[in-house]
Structure formats: structure tokens, C-alpha cells
PDB file of N, CA and C in Angstrom:
ATOM      1  N   UNK A   1       0.650  -1.417   0.140  1.00  0.00           N
ATOM      2  CA  UNK A   1       0.082   0.345   0.419  1.00  0.00           C
ATOM      3  C   UNK A   1       0.698   1.249   0.006  1.00  0.00           C
ATOM      4  N   UNK A   2       0.216   2.038  -1.036  1.00  0.00           N
ATOM      5  CA  UNK A   2       1.266   3.414  -0.835  1.00  0.00           C
ATOM      6  C   UNK A   2      -0.162   5.295  -0.837  1.00  0.00           C
ATOM      7  N   UNK A   3       0.801   6.243  -0.472  1.00  0.00           N
ATOM      8  CA  UNK A   3      -0.071   6.892  -0.231  1.00  0.00           C
ATOM      9  C   UNK A   3       1.130   8.281  -1.072  1.00  0.00           C
ATOM     10  N   UNK A   4      -0.121   9.341  -1.411  1.00  0.00           N
ATOM     11  CA  UNK A   4       0.912  10.448  -1.517  1.00  0.00           C
ATOM     12  C   UNK A   4       0.708  11.196  -0.434  1.00  0.00           C
ATOM     13  N   UNK A   5       1.336  12.330   0.148  1.00  0.00           N
ATOM     14  CA  UNK A   5       1.453  13.195   1.125  1.00  0.00           C
ATOM     15  C   UNK A   5       1.331  14.093   0.414  1.00  0.00           C
ATOM     16  N   UNK A   6      -0.198  15.249   0.547  1.00  0.00           N
ATOM     17  CA  UNK A   6      -0.185  16.660  -0.299  1.00  0.00           C
ATOM     18  C   UNK A   6      -0.513  17.446   1.402  1.00  0.00           C
ATOM     19  N   UNK A   7       0.184  18.487   1.459  1.00  0.00           N
ATOM     20  CA  UNK A   7       0.557  19.616   2.531  1.00  0.00           C
ATOM     21  C   UNK A   7       2.023  19.849   3.051  1.00  0.00           C
ATOM     22  N   UNK A   8       1.841  20.595   3.713  1.00  0.00           N
ATOM     23  CA  UNK A   8       3.394  21.535   4.625  1.00  0.00           C
ATOM     24  C   UNK A   8       3.814  20.071   4.854  1.00  0.00           C
ATOM     25  N   UNK A   9       5.111  20.411   4.850  1.00  0.00           N
ATOM     26  CA  UNK A   9       6.223  19.307   5.316  1.00  0.00           C
ATOM     27  C   UNK A   9       6.133  19.240   7.090  1.00  0.00           C
ATOM     28  N   UNK A  10       6.507  18.183   7.304  1.00  0.00           N
ATOM     29  CA  UNK A  10       5.974  17.780   8.569  1.00  0.00           C
ATOM     30  C   UNK A  10       7.662  17.405   9.353  1.00  0.00           C
ATOM     31  N   UNK A  11       8.141  18.797  10.267  1.00  0.00           N
ATOM     32  CA  UNK A  11       9.573  18.772  10.576  1.00  0.00           C
ATOM     33  C   UNK A  11      10.742  18.513   9.868  1.00  0.00           C
ATOM     34  N   UNK A  12      11.740  17.932  10.553  1.00  0.00           N
ATOM     35  CA  UNK A  12      12.490  17.219   8.772  1.00  0.00           C
ATOM     36  C   UNK A  12      12.696  16.198   8.737  1.00  0.00           C
ATOM     37  N   UNK A  13      12.090  15.402   8.821  1.00  0.00           N
ATOM     38  CA  UNK A  13      12.274  14.191   8.858  1.00  0.00           C
ATOM     39  C   UNK A  13      10.790  13.297   9.195  1.00  0.00           C
ATOM     40  N   UNK A  14      10.025  14.032   8.911  1.00  0.00           N
ATOM     41  CA  UNK A  14       8.607  13.219   8.888  1.00  0.00           C
ATOM     42  C   UNK A  14       8.190  13.085   7.726  1.00  0.00           C
ATOM     43  N   UNK A  15       6.808  13.546   7.272  1.00  0.00           N
ATOM     44  CA  UNK A  15       5.972  13.596   5.692  1.00  0.00           C
ATOM     45  C   UNK A  15       6.613  14.843   4.911  1.00  0.00           C
ATOM     46  N   UNK A  16       7.072  14.529   3.774  1.00  0.00           N
ATOM     47  CA  UNK A  16       7.220  16.005   2.528  1.00  0.00           C
ATOM     48  C   UNK A  16       6.194  16.063   1.766  1.00  0.00           C
ATOM     49  N   UNK A  17       5.947  17.190   1.342  1.00  0.00           N
ATOM     50  CA  UNK A  17       4.363  17.710   0.337  1.00  0.00           C
ATOM     51  C   UNK A  17       4.872  16.890  -0.767  1.00  0.00           C
ATOM     52  N   UNK A  18       3.990  16.300  -1.662  1.00  0.00           N
ATOM     53  CA  UNK A  18       4.277  15.360  -2.849  1.00  0.00           C
ATOM     54  C   UNK A  18       4.642  14.238  -2.641  1.00  0.00           C
ATOM     55  N   UNK A  19       5.489  13.238  -1.725  1.00  0.00           N
ATOM     56  CA  UNK A  19       6.430  12.396  -1.365  1.00  0.00           C
ATOM     57  C   UNK A  19       5.326  11.282  -1.071  1.00  0.00           C
ATOM     58  N   UNK A  20       5.677  10.033  -2.034  1.00  0.00           N
ATOM     59  CA  UNK A  20       4.675   9.105  -1.758  1.00  0.00           C
ATOM     60  C   UNK A  20       5.716   8.225  -0.840  1.00  0.00           C
ATOM     61  N   UNK A  21       5.189   7.418   0.098  1.00  0.00           N
ATOM     62  CA  UNK A  21       4.621   6.759   1.117  1.00  0.00           C
ATOM     63  C   UNK A  21       4.323   5.161   1.471  1.00  0.00           C
ATOM     64  N   UNK A  22       5.215   4.099   1.614  1.00  0.00           N
ATOM     65  CA  UNK A  22       4.417   3.134   2.034  1.00  0.00           C
ATOM     66  C   UNK A  22       4.285   3.028   3.335  1.00  0.00           C
ATOM     67  N   UNK A  23       3.009   2.440   3.132  1.00  0.00           N
ATOM     68  CA  UNK A  23       1.892   1.875   4.191  1.00  0.00           C
ATOM     69  C   UNK A  23       1.756   0.467   4.442  1.00  0.00           C
ATOM     70  N   UNK A  24       2.517   0.272   5.955  1.00  0.00           N
ATOM     71  CA  UNK A  24       2.771  -0.912   6.586  1.00  0.00           C
ATOM     72  C   UNK A  24       1.347  -1.864   6.618  1.00  0.00           C
ATOM     73  N   UNK A  25       0.862  -0.968   7.035  1.00  0.00           N
ATOM     74  CA  UNK A  25      -0.618  -1.212   7.776  1.00  0.00           C
ATOM     75  C   UNK A  25      -1.392  -0.444   8.479  1.00  0.00           C
ATOM     76  N   UNK A  26      -2.375  -1.052   8.403  1.00  0.00           N
ATOM     77  CA  UNK A  26      -3.376   0.359   9.475  1.00  0.00           C
ATOM     78  C   UNK A  26      -3.935  -0.206  10.832  1.00  0.00           C
ATOM     79  N   UNK A  27      -3.342   0.471  11.930  1.00  0.00           N
ATOM     80  CA  UNK A  27      -3.154   0.072  13.293  1.00  0.00           C
ATOM     81  C   UNK A  27      -4.869  -0.384  13.952  1.00  0.00           C
ATOM     82  N   UNK A  28      -4.951  -1.346  14.184  1.00  0.00           N
ATOM     83  CA  UNK A  28      -6.636  -2.088  14.765  1.00  0.00           C
ATOM     84  C   UNK A  28      -7.114  -1.022  15.933  1.00  0.00           C
ATOM     85  N   UNK A  29      -6.304  -0.830  16.386  1.00  0.00           N
ATOM     86  CA  UNK A  29      -6.790   0.038  17.825  1.00  0.00           C
ATOM     87  C   UNK A  29      -7.096   1.147  17.517  1.00  0.00           C
ATOM     88  N   UNK A  30      -6.208   2.152  16.679  1.00  0.00           N
ATOM     89  CA  UNK A  30      -5.977   3.429  16.529  1.00  0.00           C
ATOM     90  C   UNK A  30      -7.177   3.688  15.342  1.00  0.00           C
ATOM     91  N   UNK A  31      -6.872   3.098  14.294  1.00  0.00           N
ATOM     92  CA  UNK A  31      -7.158   3.119  12.295  1.00  0.00           C
ATOM     93  C   UNK A  31      -6.363   3.845  12.165  1.00  0.00           C
ATOM     94  N   UNK A  32      -5.251   4.383  12.793  1.00  0.00           N
ATOM     95  CA  UNK A  32      -4.306   5.480  12.191  1.00  0.00           C
ATOM     96  C   UNK A  32      -3.430   4.126  11.314  1.00  0.00           C
ATOM     97  N   UNK A  33      -2.619   4.968   9.707  1.00  0.00           N
ATOM     98  CA  UNK A  33      -2.004   4.652   9.076  1.00  0.00           C
ATOM     99  C   UNK A  33      -0.417   4.076   9.405  1.00  0.00           C
ATOM    100  N   UNK A  34       0.573   2.862   9.531  1.00  0.00           N
ATOM    101  CA  UNK A  34       1.974   2.595   9.961  1.00  0.00           C
ATOM    102  C   UNK A  34       2.799   3.153   8.845  1.00  0.00           C
ATOM    103  N   UNK A  35       3.137   4.509   8.866  1.00  0.00           N
ATOM    104  CA  UNK A  35       3.633   4.353   7.401  1.00  0.00           C
ATOM    105  C   UNK A  35       5.538   4.539   7.523  1.00  0.00           C
ATOM    106  N   UNK A  36       6.235   4.872   6.874  1.00  0.00           N
ATOM    107  CA  UNK A  36       7.659   4.955   7.071  1.00  0.00           C
ATOM    108  C   UNK A  36       8.219   6.289   5.914  1.00  0.00           C
ATOM    109  N   UNK A  37       8.188   7.113   7.121  1.00  0.00           N
ATOM    110  CA  UNK A  37       8.408   8.453   6.548  1.00  0.00           C
ATOM    111  C   UNK A  37       9.684   8.709   6.150  1.00  0.00           C
ATOM    112  N   UNK A  38      10.181  10.207   6.015  1.00  0.00           N
ATOM    113  CA  UNK A  38      11.730  10.247   5.641  1.00  0.00           C
ATOM    114  C   UNK A  38      12.637  10.263   6.848  1.00  0.00           C
ATOM    115  N   UNK A  39      12.112   9.704   8.074  1.00  0.00           N
ATOM    116  CA  UNK A  39      12.998   9.338   9.415  1.00  0.00           C
ATOM    117  C   UNK A  39      13.898   7.742   8.800  1.00  0.00           C
ATOM    118  N   UNK A  40      13.354   6.843   8.174  1.00  0.00           N
ATOM    119  CA  UNK A  40      13.046   5.846   7.621  1.00  0.00           C
ATOM    120  C   UNK A  40      12.525   4.726   8.731  1.00  0.00           C
ATOM    121  N   UNK A  41      11.932   5.394  10.050  1.00  0.00           N
ATOM    122  CA  UNK A  41      11.822   4.788  10.819  1.00  0.00           C
ATOM    123  C   UNK A  41       9.918   4.937  10.458  1.00  0.00           C
ATOM    124  N   UNK A  42       9.343   4.027  10.643  1.00  0.00           N
ATOM    125  CA  UNK A  42       7.508   3.978  10.983  1.00  0.00           C
ATOM    126  C   UNK A  42       6.753   4.441  12.190  1.00  0.00           C
ATOM    127  N   UNK A  43       5.728   5.522  11.384  1.00  0.00           N
ATOM    128  CA  UNK A  43       5.387   6.300  12.701  1.00  0.00           C
ATOM    129  C   UNK A  43       3.697   6.283  12.694  1.00  0.00           C
ATOM    130  N   UNK A  44       3.173   6.075  13.339  1.00  0.00           N
ATOM    131  CA  UNK A  44       1.914   6.385  13.094  1.00  0.00           C
ATOM    132  C   UNK A  44       1.003   7.462  12.587  1.00  0.00           C
ATOM    133  N   UNK A  45       0.049   7.530  11.492  1.00  0.00           N
ATOM    134  CA  UNK A  45      -0.429   9.035  11.377  1.00  0.00           C
ATOM    135  C   UNK A  45      -1.858   8.997  10.838  1.00  0.00           C
ATOM    136  N   UNK A  46      -2.379  10.145  11.208  1.00  0.00           N
ATOM    137  CA  UNK A  46      -4.132   9.907  10.871  1.00  0.00           C
ATOM    138  C   UNK A  46      -4.232  10.073   9.414  1.00  0.00           C
ATOM    139  N   UNK A  47      -5.379   9.078   9.257  1.00  0.00           N
ATOM    140  CA  UNK A  47      -5.890   8.723   8.221  1.00  0.00           C
ATOM    141  C   UNK A  47      -6.679   9.781   7.195  1.00  0.00           C
ATOM    142  N   UNK A  48      -7.172  10.998   7.618  1.00  0.00           N
ATOM    143  CA  UNK A  48      -7.658  11.780   7.326  1.00  0.00           C
ATOM    144  C   UNK A  48      -6.823  13.573   7.639  1.00  0.00           C
ATOM    145  N   UNK A  49      -5.982  13.218   8.894  1.00  0.00           N
ATOM    146  CA  UNK A  49      -5.810  14.705   8.720  1.00  0.00           C
ATOM    147  C   UNK A  49      -4.180  14.235   9.180  1.00  0.00           C
ATOM    148  N   UNK A  50      -3.217  13.784   8.127  1.00  0.00           N
ATOM    149  CA  UNK A  50      -1.609  13.787   8.819  1.00  0.00           C
ATOM    150  C   UNK A  50      -1.198  14.464   9.455  1.00  0.00           C
ATOM    151  N   UNK A  51      -0.638  14.998  10.558  1.00  0.00           N
ATOM    152  CA  UNK A  51       0.724  16.062  11.441  1.00  0.00           C
ATOM    153  C   UNK A  51       0.706  15.634  12.425  1.00  0.00           C
ATOM    154  N   UNK A  52       1.586  16.218  12.742  1.00  0.00           N
ATOM    155  CA  UNK A  52       2.549  16.835  13.492  1.00  0.00           C
ATOM    156  C   UNK A  52       1.859  16.079  14.987  1.00  0.00           C
ATOM    157  N   UNK A  53       2.673  15.629  16.044  1.00  0.00           N
ATOM    158  CA  UNK A  53       2.215  15.756  17.662  1.00  0.00           C
ATOM    159  C   UNK A  53       1.857  17.148  18.221  1.00  0.00           C
ATOM    160  N   UNK A  54       3.098  18.285  17.689  1.00  0.00           N
ATOM    161  CA  UNK A  54       3.499  19.587  17.698  1.00  0.00           C
ATOM    162  C   UNK A  54       2.525  20.070  16.828  1.00  0.00           C
ATOM    163  N   UNK A  55       2.375  21.363  17.938  1.00  0.00           N
ATOM    164  CA  UNK A  55       0.894  21.931  17.612  1.00  0.00           C
ATOM    165  C   UNK A  55       1.124  22.995  16.319  1.00  0.00           C
ATOM    166  N   UNK A  56       2.854  23.277  16.237  1.00  0.00           N
ATOM    167  CA  UNK A  56       2.952  24.396  15.240  1.00  0.00           C
ATOM    168  C   UNK A  56       3.011  23.841  13.592  1.00  0.00           C
ATOM    169  N   UNK A  57       2.828  22.190  13.520  1.00  0.00           N
ATOM    170  CA  UNK A  57       2.519  22.144  12.092  1.00  0.00           C
ATOM    171  C   UNK A  57       1.086  21.763  11.768  1.00  0.00           C
ATOM    172  N   UNK A  58       0.509  22.495  10.608  1.00  0.00           N
ATOM    173  CA  UNK A  58      -0.837  22.104  10.461  1.00  0.00           C
ATOM    174  C   UNK A  58      -0.810  20.952   9.555  1.00  0.00           C
ATOM    175  N   UNK A  59      -1.884  20.431   9.836  1.00  0.00           N
ATOM    176  CA  UNK A  59      -2.008  18.789   8.489  1.00  0.00           C
ATOM    177  C   UNK A  59      -2.698  18.756   7.276  1.00  0.00           C
ATOM    178  N   UNK A  60      -2.344  18.070   6.709  1.00  0.00           N
ATOM    179  CA  UNK A  60      -2.182  17.420   5.045  1.00  0.00           C
ATOM    180  C   UNK A  60      -3.339  16.616   5.144  1.00  0.00           C
ATOM    181  N   UNK A  61      -3.376  16.120   3.899  1.00  0.00           N
ATOM    182  CA  UNK A  61      -4.252  14.826   3.790  1.00  0.00           C
ATOM    183  C   UNK A  61      -3.420  13.793   2.985  1.00  0.00           C
ATOM    184  N   UNK A  62      -3.514  12.510   2.441  1.00  0.00           N
ATOM    185  CA  UNK A  62      -3.288  11.360   1.352  1.00  0.00           C
ATOM    186  C   UNK A  62      -4.397  11.324   0.721  1.00  0.00           C
ATOM    187  N   UNK A  63      -3.125  11.150  -0.549  1.00  0.00           N
ATOM    188  CA  UNK A  63      -3.838  10.581  -2.008  1.00  0.00           C
ATOM    189  C   UNK A  63      -3.760   8.669  -1.962  1.00  0.00           C
ATOM    190  N   UNK A  64      -4.166   8.315  -2.603  1.00  0.00           N
ATOM    191  CA  UNK A  64      -3.968   7.051  -2.495  1.00  0.00           C
ATOM    192  C   UNK A  64      -3.182   6.638  -3.869  1.00  0.00           C
ATOM    193  N   UNK A  65      -1.955   5.904  -3.531  1.00  0.00           N
ATOM    194  CA  UNK A  65      -1.432   5.638  -4.914  1.00  0.00           C
ATOM    195  C   UNK A  65      -1.610   3.963  -5.136  1.00  0.00           C
ATOM    196  N   UNK A  66      -1.274   3.716  -4.281  1.00  0.00           N
ATOM    197  CA  UNK A  66      -1.919   1.723  -4.222  1.00  0.00           C
ATOM    198  C   UNK A  66      -2.223   1.224  -2.969  1.00  0.00           C
ATOM    199  N   UNK A  67      -3.466   0.182  -3.829  1.00  0.00           N
ATOM    200  CA  UNK A  67      -4.334  -0.163  -2.638  1.00  0.00           C
ATOM    201  C   UNK A  67      -5.010  -1.186  -2.949  1.00  0.00           C
ATOM    202  N   UNK A  68      -3.936  -2.191  -3.220  1.00  0.00           N
ATOM    203  CA  UNK A  68      -5.556  -3.465  -3.717  1.00  0.00           C
ATOM    204  C   UNK A  68      -5.973  -4.456  -3.011  1.00  0.00           C
ATOM    205  N   UNK A  69      -6.044  -4.050  -1.884  1.00  0.00           N
ATOM    206  CA  UNK A  69      -7.390  -4.704  -0.969  1.00  0.00           C
ATOM    207  C   UNK A  69      -7.978  -3.475  -0.518  1.00  0.00           C
ATOM    208  N   UNK A  70      -7.505  -2.334  -1.176  1.00  0.00           N
ATOM    209  CA  UNK A  70      -8.621  -1.080  -0.437  1.00  0.00           C
ATOM    210  C   UNK A  70      -8.879  -1.107   1.039  1.00  0.00           C
ATOM    211  N   UNK A  71      -7.763  -1.388   1.863  1.00  0.00           N
ATOM    212  CA  UNK A  71      -7.770  -1.364   3.122  1.00  0.00           C
ATOM    213  C   UNK A  71      -7.494   0.468   3.152  1.00  0.00           C
ATOM    214  N   UNK A  72      -6.960   0.975   2.731  1.00  0.00           N
ATOM    215  CA  UNK A  72      -6.890   2.272   2.524  1.00  0.00           C
ATOM    216  C   UNK A  72      -7.904   3.309   2.379  1.00  0.00           C
ATOM    217  N   UNK A  73      -8.511   3.064   1.039  1.00  0.00           N
ATOM    218  CA  UNK A  73      -9.806   3.399   1.204  1.00  0.00           C
ATOM    219  C   UNK A  73     -10.875   3.442   2.154  1.00  0.00           C
ATOM    220  N   UNK A  74     -11.091   2.437   2.884  1.00  0.00           N
ATOM    221  CA  UNK A  74     -12.007   2.333   4.051  1.00  0.00           C
ATOM    222  C   UNK A  74     -11.247   3.806   4.804  1.00  0.00           C
ATOM    223  N   UNK A  75      -9.851   3.193   5.253  1.00  0.00           N
ATOM    224  CA  UNK A  75      -9.380   4.239   6.774  1.00  0.00           C
ATOM    225  C   UNK A  75      -9.451   5.225   6.117  1.00  0.00           C
ATOM    226  N   UNK A  76      -9.258   6.347   4.676  1.00  0.00           N
ATOM    227  CA  UNK A  76      -9.085   7.316   4.850  1.00  0.00           C
ATOM    228  C   UNK A  76     -10.560   8.212   4.526  1.00  0.00           C
ATOM    229  N   UNK A  77     -11.361   7.367   3.721  1.00  0.00           N
ATOM    230  CA  UNK A  77     -13.046   8.295   3.256  1.00  0.00           C
ATOM    231  C   UNK A  77     -14.057   7.639   4.777  1.00  0.00           C
ATOM    232  N   UNK A  78     -13.647   6.748   5.037  1.00  0.00           N
ATOM    233  CA  UNK A  78     -14.753   6.532   5.844  1.00  0.00           C
ATOM    234  C   UNK A  78     -14.898   7.153   7.069  1.00  0.00           C
TER     235      UNK A  78
END
């Protein structure tokens, strides 16, 4: 599964505008997307308004790039 992040860059090693990221899965408890970001590590991001925990970063959105099982479609649009 892959998504494209659209929005302001999040920190120096978070999500960057127009970059494509691999989604490792969807967290069963929170519904958040587990994404490998620019740090090379995997972190949980909101499927509807991805942003940093720090308040100075505004949220963006994801566009689906690859979703054969349609899990991302359900997580982002439901």
C-alpha cells in the first residue's frame, strides 16, 4: 500500500509534500496508518488529517497511490 502526502512538510524527517510513502498497515486499535516517513522509521499518522503531534504543524491529506485490498480507501474515506 502506498500514499502520497499533500500538505506542509512535517518537521525535518516526517512527511514531505508530494512525496509517496509506503504504508505498512493500519493500526487495529486506532485506525491510524503505519508509514515509513523521511526518518526511515515507521510512525502512526492519522488517515484523515496527517500531522505532527507538535501544534505548530498544520495537517495535510493523503492521496491513495496503491491500494489493492482497498484497506486505505476504507481508512481514509470512512
